[in-house]
C-alpha atoms as a PDB file:
ATOM      1  CA  MET A   1      37.411  40.606  -9.185  1.00  0.00           C
ATOM      2  CA  GLN A   2      41.042  42.645  -7.731  1.00  0.00           C
ATOM      3  CA  PRO A   3      41.346  45.451  -9.295  1.00  0.00           C
ATOM      4  CA  PHE A   4      43.297  45.607 -12.531  1.00  0.00           C
ATOM      5  CA  ASP A   5      46.240  47.821 -10.601  1.00  0.00           C
ATOM      6  CA  SER A   6      47.008  44.639  -8.231  1.00  0.00           C
ATOM      7  CA  LEU A   7      45.933  41.902 -11.126  1.00  0.00           C
ATOM      8  CA  LEU A   8      48.648  43.730 -13.649  1.00  0.00           C
ATOM      9  CA  GLU A   9      51.567  43.944 -10.916  1.00  0.00           C
ATOM     10  CA  GLU A  10      50.741  40.641  -9.832  1.00  0.00           C
ATOM     11  CA  SER A  11      50.626  38.932 -13.139  1.00  0.00           C
ATOM     12  CA  ALA A  12      53.781  41.079 -14.519  1.00  0.00           C
ATOM     13  CA  LYS A  13      55.990  39.683 -11.189  1.00  0.00           C
ATOM     14  CA  ILE A  14      54.610  35.445 -12.497  1.00  0.00           C
ATOM     15  CA  HIS A  15      55.109  37.060 -16.626  1.00  0.00           C
ATOM     16  CA  GLY A  16      59.160  38.182 -16.299  1.00  0.00           C
ATOM     17  CA  HIS A  17      57.926  42.246 -15.965  1.00  0.00           C
ATOM     18  CA  LEU A  18      55.624  44.987 -16.991  1.00  0.00           C
ATOM     19  CA  CYS A  19      54.927  45.621 -20.506  1.00  0.00           C
ATOM     20  CA  PRO A  20      52.348  47.422 -22.284  1.00  0.00           C
ATOM     21  CA  GLY A  21      50.665  43.424 -24.163  1.00  0.00           C
ATOM     22  CA  GLN A  22      50.913  43.018 -20.569  1.00  0.00           C
ATOM     23  CA  VAL A  23      47.953  46.006 -19.679  1.00  0.00           C
ATOM     24  CA  VAL A  24      46.361  44.274 -23.065  1.00  0.00           C
ATOM     25  CA  GLY A  25      46.015  41.319 -20.995  1.00  0.00           C
ATOM     26  CA  VAL A  26      45.161  42.200 -18.430  1.00  0.00           C
ATOM     27  CA  ARG A  27      42.240  43.769 -19.386  1.00  0.00           C
ATOM     28  CA  MET A  28      41.112  41.152 -21.787  1.00  0.00           C
ATOM     29  CA  ALA A  29      40.887  39.410 -19.507  1.00  0.00           C
ATOM     30  CA  ILE A  30      38.786  40.844 -17.471  1.00  0.00           C
ATOM     31  CA  LEU A  31      36.662  42.320 -20.192  1.00  0.00           C
ATOM     32  CA  GLY A  32      36.148  39.011 -21.421  1.00  0.00           C
ATOM     33  CA  CYS A  33      35.194  36.914 -17.481  1.00  0.00           C
ATOM     34  CA  LYS A  34      32.797  40.104 -17.567  1.00  0.00           C
ATOM     35  CA  LEU A  35      30.620  39.322 -20.618  1.00  0.00           C
ATOM     36  CA  ILE A  36      29.983  35.651 -19.585  1.00  0.00           C
ATOM     37  CA  GLY A  37      28.961  36.635 -15.308  1.00  0.00           C
ATOM     38  CA  LEU A  38      32.050  35.264 -14.218  1.00  0.00           C
ATOM     39  CA  ASP A  39      33.649  38.081 -11.153  1.00  0.00           C
ATOM     40  CA  ASN A  40      35.299  34.560  -9.341  1.00  0.00           C
ATOM     41  CA  PRO A  41      36.947  32.900 -12.560  1.00  0.00           C
ATOM     42  CA  LYS A  42      40.136  32.473 -10.408  1.00  0.00           C
ATOM     43  CA  SER A  43      37.862  30.461  -7.218  1.00  0.00           C
ATOM     44  CA  ARG A  44      36.998  26.619  -7.066  1.00  0.00           C
ATOM     45  CA  ASP A  45      33.153  26.481  -7.813  1.00  0.00           C
ATOM     46  CA  GLN A  46      34.164  29.480 -11.083  1.00  0.00           C
ATOM     47  CA  ILE A  47      37.142  27.442 -13.443  1.00  0.00           C
ATOM     48  CA  LYS A  48      35.310  24.419 -13.674  1.00  0.00           C
ATOM     49  CA  GLN A  49      32.954  26.844 -16.342  1.00  0.00           C
ATOM     50  CA  LEU A  50      35.894  28.803 -17.759  1.00  0.00           C
ATOM     51  CA  LEU A  51      37.751  27.863 -21.117  1.00  0.00           C
ATOM     52  CA  VAL A  52      40.032  30.674 -23.342  1.00  0.00           C
ATOM     53  CA  TYR A  53      41.248  30.323 -25.919  1.00  0.00           C
ATOM     54  CA  VAL A  54      44.457  32.463 -27.057  1.00  0.00           C
ATOM     55  CA  GLU A  55      45.523  33.090 -29.984  1.00  0.00           C
ATOM     56  CA  MET A  56      49.349  34.185 -29.668  1.00  0.00           C
ATOM     57  CA  ASP A  57      51.845  32.688 -27.556  1.00  0.00           C
ATOM     58  CA  ARG A  58      52.699  35.939 -26.287  1.00  0.00           C
ATOM     59  CA  CYS A  59      53.019  38.249 -23.229  1.00  0.00           C
ATOM     60  CA  THR A  60      49.201  39.685 -23.654  1.00  0.00           C
ATOM     61  CA  ALA A  61      48.627  35.128 -22.902  1.00  0.00           C
ATOM     62  CA  ASP A  62      50.562  34.875 -19.550  1.00  0.00           C
ATOM     63  CA  ALA A  63      48.395  38.002 -18.519  1.00  0.00           C
ATOM     64  CA  VAL A  64      45.434  36.271 -19.891  1.00  0.00           C
ATOM     65  CA  ALA A  65      46.221  33.153 -18.023  1.00  0.00           C
ATOM     66  CA  TYR A  66      47.200  34.593 -14.705  1.00  0.00           C
ATOM     67  CA  VAL A  67      43.928  36.661 -14.301  1.00  0.00           C
ATOM     68  CA  THR A  68      41.287  33.911 -15.121  1.00  0.00           C
ATOM     69  CA  GLY A  69      43.990  31.140 -13.193  1.00  0.00           C
ATOM     70  CA  VAL A  70      43.355  28.453 -16.502  1.00  0.00           C
ATOM     71  CA  LYS A  71      46.593  26.592 -17.843  1.00  0.00           C
ATOM     72  CA  LEU A  72      46.531  24.397 -20.208  1.00  0.00           C
ATOM     73  CA  GLY A  73      47.431  21.297 -17.959  1.00  0.00           C
ATOM     74  CA  ARG A  74      44.030  21.447 -16.684  1.00  0.00           C
ATOM     75  CA  ARG A  75      42.388  21.149 -20.336  1.00  0.00           C
ATOM     76  CA  SER A  76      40.692  24.501 -19.429  1.00  0.00           C
ATOM     77  CA  LEU A  77      44.140  26.871 -21.396  1.00  0.00           C
ATOM     78  CA  LYS A  78      44.197  26.032 -25.536  1.00  0.00           C
ATOM     79  CA  PHE A  79      46.735  27.157 -27.131  1.00  0.00           C
ATOM     80  CA  MET A  80      45.698  28.278 -30.390  1.00  0.00           C
ATOM     81  CA  ASP A  81      48.369  29.240 -32.440  1.00  0.00           C
ATOM     82  CA  TYR A  82      46.911  32.286 -35.008  1.00  0.00           C
ATOM     83  CA  GLY A  83      49.552  35.987 -33.882  1.00  0.00           C
ATOM     84  CA  ILE A  84      46.702  37.086 -33.518  1.00  0.00           C
ATOM     85  CA  MET A  85      46.445  39.555 -30.208  1.00  0.00           C
ATOM     86  CA  ALA A  86      43.018  37.409 -29.785  1.00  0.00           C
ATOM     87  CA  ALA A  87      41.084  35.026 -27.108  1.00  0.00           C
ATOM     88  CA  THR A  88      37.617  33.649 -26.700  1.00  0.00           C
ATOM     89  CA  PHE A  89      36.199  32.987 -23.288  1.00  0.00           C
ATOM     90  CA  VAL A  90      34.126  30.429 -22.539  1.00  0.00           C
ATOM     91  CA  ASN A  91      30.928  29.662 -19.748  1.00  0.00           C
ATOM     92  CA  LEU A  92      30.537  26.020 -20.322  1.00  0.00           C
ATOM     93  CA  SER A  93      27.070  26.565 -17.672  1.00  0.00           C
ATOM     94  CA  ASN A  94      25.543  29.077 -19.985  1.00  0.00           C
ATOM     95  CA  GLU A  95      27.283  28.842 -23.317  1.00  0.00           C
ATOM     96  CA  LYS A  96      28.360  32.322 -23.904  1.00  0.00           C
ATOM     97  CA  SER A  97      31.576  33.166 -25.597  1.00  0.00           C
ATOM     98  CA  PHE A  98      32.616  36.238 -26.680  1.00  0.00           C
ATOM     99  CA  ARG A  99      36.115  36.602 -28.588  1.00  0.00           C
ATOM    100  CA  ILE A 100      37.664  39.614 -27.572  1.00  0.00           C
ATOM    101  CA  ILE A 101      40.355  41.691 -30.395  1.00  0.00           C
ATOM    102  CA  SER A 102      43.541  43.951 -29.841  1.00  0.00           C
ATOM    103  CA  THR A 103      42.323  46.573 -32.000  1.00  0.00           C
ATOM    104  CA  GLU A 104      45.042  48.237 -33.936  1.00  0.00           C
ATOM    105  CA  GLU A 105      44.327  50.803 -33.839  1.00  0.00           C
ATOM    106  CA  SER A 106      44.703  51.299 -30.452  1.00  0.00           C
ATOM    107  CA  ARG A 107      48.612  51.962 -31.168  1.00  0.00           C
ATOM    108  CA  ASP A 108      48.543  54.489 -33.962  1.00  0.00           C
ATOM    109  CA  LEU A 109      46.516  56.508 -30.325  1.00  0.00           C
ATOM    110  CA  CYS A 110      49.038  56.047 -27.547  1.00  0.00           C
ATOM    111  CA  ASP A 111      49.950  58.893 -29.035  1.00  0.00           C
ATOM    112  CA  VAL A 112      46.068  60.887 -28.246  1.00  0.00           C
ATOM    113  CA  TYR A 113      46.713  59.390 -24.710  1.00  0.00           C
ATOM    114  CA  ALA A 114      49.327  59.565 -23.087  1.00  0.00           C
ATOM    115  CA  PRO A 115      51.135  62.452 -25.805  1.00  0.00           C
ATOM    116  CA  GLU A 116      53.279  63.868 -22.072  1.00  0.00           C
ATOM    117  CA  VAL A 117      55.247  59.480 -21.696  1.00  0.00           C
ATOM    118  CA  ASP A 118      58.445  59.513 -23.567  1.00  0.00           C
ATOM    119  CA  GLY A 119      59.650  56.655 -25.013  1.00  0.00           C
ATOM    120  CA  LYS A 120      57.036  54.007 -26.551  1.00  0.00           C
ATOM    121  CA  SER A 121      56.453  50.877 -24.934  1.00  0.00           C
ATOM    122  CA  GLN A 122      56.096  53.301 -21.941  1.00  0.00           C
ATOM    123  CA  ARG A 123      53.795  55.570 -23.515  1.00  0.00           C
ATOM    124  CA  GLN A 124      51.996  52.532 -24.898  1.00  0.00           C
ATOM    125  CA  LEU A 125      52.158  51.258 -21.077  1.00  0.00           C
ATOM    126  CA  SER A 126      49.940  54.112 -19.816  1.00  0.00           C
ATOM    127  CA  ALA A 127      47.998  54.888 -23.104  1.00  0.00           C
ATOM    128  CA  TYR A 128      46.751  51.060 -23.200  1.00  0.00           C
ATOM    129  CA  LYS A 129      45.604  51.717 -19.039  1.00  0.00           C
ATOM    130  CA  ARG A 130      43.851  54.802 -20.259  1.00  0.00           C
ATOM    131  CA  MET A 131      41.502  53.587 -23.049  1.00  0.00           C
ATOM    132  CA  PRO A 132      38.413  52.934 -22.797  1.00  0.00           C
ATOM    133  CA  ASP A 133      37.197  48.818 -23.577  1.00  0.00           C
ATOM    134  CA  SER A 134      35.284  50.324 -26.616  1.00  0.00           C
ATOM    135  CA  VAL A 135      38.766  51.675 -28.552  1.00  0.00           C
ATOM    136  CA  LEU A 136      41.203  49.199 -26.862  1.00  0.00           C
ATOM    137  CA  PHE A 137      39.093  46.096 -28.140  1.00  0.00           C
ATOM    138  CA  ARG A 138      37.121  44.602 -30.386  1.00  0.00           C
ATOM    139  CA  VAL A 139      34.390  42.041 -29.195  1.00  0.00           C
ATOM    140  CA  GLN A 140      32.243  40.044 -30.800  1.00  0.00           C
ATOM    141  CA  LYS A 141      29.416  37.139 -30.255  1.00  0.00           C
ATOM    142  CA  VAL A 142      30.490  34.469 -31.106  1.00  0.00           C
ATOM    143  CA  HIS A 143      29.431  29.810 -30.782  1.00  0.00           C
ATOM    144  CA  VAL A 144      32.771  27.281 -29.752  1.00  0.00           C
ATOM    145  CA  PRO A 145      31.911  23.718 -30.669  1.00  0.00           C
ATOM    146  CA  ILE A 146      33.563  22.032 -27.706  1.00  0.00           C
ATOM    147  CA  SER A 147      34.163  17.977 -28.359  1.00  0.00           C
ATOM    148  CA  ASP A 148      33.530  16.244 -25.076  1.00  0.00           C
ATOM    149  CA  LEU A 149      37.629  14.868 -25.512  1.00  0.00           C
ATOM    150  CA  ASP A 150      38.596  18.945 -25.061  1.00  0.00           C
ATOM    151  CA  LEU A 151      36.725  19.543 -21.625  1.00  0.00           C
ATOM    152  CA  PRO A 152      38.258  19.860 -18.297  1.00  0.00           C
ATOM    153  CA  GLY A 153      38.379  16.541 -16.480  1.00  0.00           C
ATOM    154  CA  PRO A 154      39.806  13.025 -16.217  1.00  0.00           C
ATOM    155  CA  THR A 155      41.046  11.102 -19.222  1.00  0.00           C
ATOM    156  CA  ARG A 156      37.888  10.392 -21.554  1.00  0.00           C
ATOM    157  CA  GLN A 157      39.309   8.035 -23.691  1.00  0.00           C
ATOM    158  CA  LYS A 158      42.524   6.349 -24.167  1.00  0.00           C
ATOM    159  CA  ILE A 159      44.077   4.387 -28.074  1.00  0.00           C
ATOM    160  CA  ALA A 160      47.712   2.885 -27.772  1.00  0.00           C
ATOM    161  CA  CYS A 161      48.847   3.557 -31.762  1.00  0.00           C
ATOM    162  CA  SER A 162      48.982   0.589 -34.408  1.00  0.00           C
ATOM    163  CA  GLN A 163      52.778   1.368 -35.171  1.00  0.00           C
ATOM    164  CA  CYS A 164      54.730   2.184 -31.923  1.00  0.00           C
ATOM    165  CA  GLY A 165      52.298   1.772 -29.416  1.00  0.00           C
ATOM    166  CA  GLN A 166      52.373   4.521 -27.448  1.00  0.00           C
ATOM    167  CA  ILE A 167      49.410   5.805 -25.880  1.00  0.00           C
ATOM    168  CA  ILE A 168      47.001   8.353 -27.407  1.00  0.00           C
ATOM    169  CA  ARG A 169      44.738  10.564 -25.202  1.00  0.00           C
ATOM    170  CA  ASP A 170      42.116  12.067 -25.347  1.00  0.00           C
ATOM    171  CA  GLY A 171      41.292  11.249 -29.263  1.00  0.00           C
ATOM    172  CA  ARG A 172      44.337  12.853 -31.182  1.00  0.00           C
ATOM    173  CA  GLU A 173      44.958   9.892 -32.602  1.00  0.00           C
ATOM    174  CA  ILE A 174      45.048   9.778 -36.658  1.00  0.00           C
ATOM    175  CA  VAL A 175      42.951   6.766 -38.944  1.00  0.00           C
ATOM    176  CA  LYS A 176      45.283   5.311 -41.175  1.00  0.00           C
ATOM    177  CA  GLU A 177      44.366   2.253 -43.884  1.00  0.00           C
ATOM    178  CA  GLY A 178      41.347   1.900 -39.958  1.00  0.00           C
ATOM    179  CA  GLN A 179      44.063   2.335 -38.065  1.00  0.00           C
ATOM    180  CA  PRO A 180      44.687   4.576 -34.552  1.00  0.00           C
ATOM    181  CA  ILE A 181      48.549   5.718 -35.560  1.00  0.00           C
ATOM    182  CA  CYS A 182      49.576   8.605 -32.661  1.00  0.00           C
ATOM    183  CA  LYS A 183      50.345  12.076 -35.700  1.00  0.00           C
ATOM    184  CA  PRO A 184      54.679  11.608 -35.212  1.00  0.00           C
ATOM    185  CA  CYS A 185      54.122   8.256 -36.367  1.00  0.00           C
ATOM    186  CA  SER A 186      51.965  10.109 -38.635  1.00  0.00           C
ATOM    187  CA  GLY A 187      54.992  12.452 -39.960  1.00  0.00           C
ATOM    188  CA  ASN A 188      52.763  15.144 -39.155  1.00  0.00           C
ATOM    189  CA  CYS A 189      54.287  16.974 -36.460  1.00  0.00           C
ATOM    190  CA  TYR A 190      56.689  19.348 -35.050  1.00  0.00           C
ATOM    191  CA  PHE A 191      59.831  17.241 -34.870  1.00  0.00           C
ATOM    192  CA  SER A 192      62.153  15.426 -37.653  1.00  0.00           C
ATOM    193  CA  ASN A 193      65.198  13.245 -37.003  1.00  0.00           C
ATOM    194  CA  ALA A 194      63.899  11.696 -34.242  1.00  0.00           C
ATOM    195  CA  MET A 195      66.886   9.221 -32.303  1.00  0.00           C
ATOM    196  CA  GLU A 196      66.872   7.538 -28.974  1.00  0.00           C
ATOM    197  CA  ILE A 197      69.197   8.052 -26.550  1.00  0.00           C
ATOM    198  CA  CYS A 198      71.107   6.667 -23.516  1.00  0.00           C
ATOM    199  CA  TRP A 199      73.222   8.346 -21.283  1.00  0.00           C
ATOM    200  CA  SER A 200      76.393   7.117 -19.184  1.00  0.00           C
ATOM    201  CA  GLU A 201      74.061   7.201 -15.761  1.00  0.00           C
ATOM    202  CA  MET A 202      70.744   7.240 -16.670  1.00  0.00           C
ATOM    203  CA  SER A 203      70.125   6.070 -13.287  1.00  0.00           C
ATOM    204  CA  TRP A 204      69.874   9.005 -11.697  1.00  0.00           C
ATOM    205  CA  SER A 205      66.486  10.256 -10.108  1.00  0.00           C
ATOM    206  CA  PRO A 206      65.758  13.163  -8.172  1.00  0.00           C
ATOM    207  CA  THR A 207      66.631  11.251  -4.301  1.00  0.00           C
ATOM    208  CA  ASN A 208      69.347  10.073  -5.456  1.00  0.00           C
ATOM    209  CA  GLU A 209      73.119  13.114  -6.567  1.00  0.00           C
ATOM    210  CA  THR A 210      71.918  15.358  -9.003  1.00  0.00           C
ATOM    211  CA  LYS A 211      74.719  15.007 -11.353  1.00  0.00           C
ATOM    212  CA  SER A 212      76.388  15.949 -14.872  1.00  0.00           C
ATOM    213  CA  ILE A 213      74.586  13.829 -17.468  1.00  0.00           C
ATOM    214  CA  SER A 214      76.146  13.186 -21.085  1.00  0.00           C
ATOM    215  CA  LEU A 215      73.970  12.753 -23.713  1.00  0.00           C
ATOM    216  CA  THR A 216      74.772  10.164 -26.244  1.00  0.00           C
ATOM    217  CA  PRO A 217      72.883   8.865 -29.328  1.00  0.00           C
ATOM    218  CA  LEU A 218      71.263   5.726 -28.699  1.00  0.00           C
ATOM    219  CA  LYS A 219      73.041   1.622 -29.792  1.00  0.00           C
ATOM    220  CA  LYS A 220      72.301  -1.746 -29.610  1.00  0.00           C
ATOM    221  CA  GLU A 221      75.200  -2.160 -27.273  1.00  0.00           C
ATOM    222  CA  CYS A 222      73.617   0.549 -24.342  1.00  0.00           C
ATOM    223  CA  CYS A 223      69.870  -0.887 -24.005  1.00  0.00           C
END
């Protein structure tokens, strides 16, 4: 594992700025990897052993992802929308799993650990660097049931939606009246009022000259 200062600097650069959440996330990832026995999580062999579940879509999540090397596209990063500044680190090879939670007490103790620093954000940033892990975090040993369909690697299952024909991957279909359907067709999804569109320059591709795109509702005459 790289030194803390180096990890923090690179993480902040990729994230876009240095903030208290970056400090918490980098330290959370360092501790998590240490607990599950990984000392170089980005290496080719160790990245295949690691799953990380983050429970918030905030600065801390970016820091955790950077330090560990996990990615949504590799299926090694799992987003659980709990709104809690916490992450769970899983070693698939030894089945060790630990959930690390940023404590609320640590926020209240910033004045104690960095009394000389002016400004709330800068005081938090400095204090979070100085606090011991036992103050900054709570740690839980946990069990994470993991389906084969959730593991990294090639697609393990494909099935067509019985209503729209769209391929659904990795067991994410919903069975309704004995038939598989995708979540959009079920009505249980994050968007509504979907309307197919076309645009005047649909022939554009990256190998052609870039042109401005004007979107219009899809009508029968332009299909």
